Protein backbone atom coordinates (compact mmCIF):
# COMPACT_ATOMS: atom_id res chain seq x y z
CA MET A 1 0.00 0.00 0.00
CA SER A 2 1.42 3.34 -0.96
CA LYS A 3 -1.44 5.78 -1.54
CA PRO A 4 -2.49 8.38 1.02
CA GLY A 5 -5.15 6.90 3.24
CA ASP A 6 -3.96 3.32 2.82
CA TYR A 7 -3.31 3.31 6.56
CA LEU A 8 -7.09 3.32 7.03
CA ILE A 9 -7.48 0.12 5.01
CA ASP A 10 -4.52 -1.39 6.87
CA ALA A 11 -6.14 -0.50 10.22
CA LEU A 12 -9.44 -2.02 9.09
CA ARG A 13 -7.69 -5.25 8.09
CA LYS A 14 -5.78 -5.44 11.38
CA HIS A 15 -8.97 -4.82 13.35
CA ALA A 16 -10.78 -7.60 11.47
CA GLU A 17 -7.85 -9.98 11.96
CA GLY A 18 -7.80 -9.19 15.68
CA GLU A 19 -11.53 -9.83 16.03
CA ILE A 20 -11.15 -13.15 14.22
CA SER A 21 -8.29 -14.16 16.52
CA LYS A 22 -10.34 -13.23 19.57
CA ARG A 23 -13.35 -15.26 18.40
CA ILE A 24 -11.19 -18.27 17.54
CA ALA A 25 -9.71 -18.13 21.04
CA ASN A 26 -13.24 -18.07 22.48
CA VAL A 27 -14.34 -21.08 20.42
CA GLU A 28 -11.22 -23.02 21.40
CA THR A 29 -11.86 -22.21 25.06
CA TYR A 30 -15.45 -23.42 24.77
CA ARG A 31 -14.31 -26.60 23.01
CA LEU A 32 -11.45 -27.47 25.32
CA ASN A 33 -12.88 -26.29 28.67
CA PRO A 34 -16.69 -26.54 28.46
CA ALA A 35 -17.08 -27.17 32.19
CA GLY A 36 -15.33 -23.88 33.00
CA ILE A 37 -17.85 -21.77 31.08
CA GLY A 38 -20.83 -21.88 33.41
CA GLU A 39 -22.70 -18.89 31.98
CA HIS A 40 -23.13 -20.51 28.55
CA SER A 41 -25.67 -23.29 28.86
CA ASP A 42 -26.17 -23.75 25.10
CA MET A 43 -22.64 -24.31 23.85
CA ILE A 44 -23.67 -24.90 20.22
CA GLU A 45 -25.54 -21.59 20.08
CA THR A 46 -22.66 -19.78 21.76
CA ILE A 47 -20.12 -21.20 19.31
CA GLU A 48 -22.44 -20.45 16.38
CA LYS A 49 -22.57 -16.79 17.43
CA GLU A 50 -18.78 -16.65 17.50
CA LEU A 51 -18.63 -18.25 14.03
CA ASP A 52 -21.08 -15.64 12.71
CA VAL A 53 -18.74 -12.89 13.90
CA ILE A 54 -15.73 -14.67 12.36
CA ALA A 55 -17.60 -14.91 9.04
CA ARG A 56 -18.49 -11.20 9.14
CA PHE A 57 -14.90 -10.11 9.66
CA ASP A 58 -13.62 -12.67 7.15
CA ASP A 59 -15.98 -11.08 4.61
CA ILE A 60 -14.51 -7.66 5.40
CA ILE A 61 -10.99 -8.96 4.74
CA SER A 62 -12.17 -10.53 1.48
CA VAL A 63 -13.65 -7.24 0.30
CA VAL A 64 -10.46 -5.37 1.23
CA ASP A 65 -8.42 -7.94 -0.71
CA LYS A 66 -10.69 -7.77 -3.72
CA TYR A 67 -11.20 -4.03 -4.05
CA PHE A 68 -8.47 -2.18 -2.19
CA ASP A 69 -5.19 -4.10 -1.83
CA ASP A 70 -4.10 -4.63 -5.43
CA PRO A 71 -4.22 -1.53 -7.66
CA ASP A 72 -4.20 -3.75 -10.78
CA LYS A 73 -7.44 -5.47 -9.81
CA LYS A 74 -10.61 -4.16 -11.40
CA LYS A 75 -12.46 -1.71 -9.21
CA LEU A 76 -16.19 -1.19 -9.45
CA THR A 77 -17.37 2.24 -10.48
CA LEU A 78 -20.70 3.95 -10.04
CA HIS A 79 -21.39 3.45 -13.77
CA GLU A 80 -21.27 -0.35 -13.72
C-alpha cells in the first residue's frame, strides 16, 4: 500500500484480523474447557454466534483484498 489513506485500510484489516483471533480463542476455550464456562448453557448456540462474527470479519478482509489491496485489480465504479 502506498497511496495516502492506505493506513485506514490497513487498520481495518488489522482490526478484522484481531476480532477473528479473539473469536477463535473463544471457540477453542469453549471446546477445550466446556465445564469452565458456566454462563453458557447452550454451547452450540454460543459457538455459532462466534462463528457468525468470524464470518463477518472474514468477509470484510475478502472485500479489502478484492477491491483495495491490489491496484491492478478491477475496481467497481458507479457506472457499472
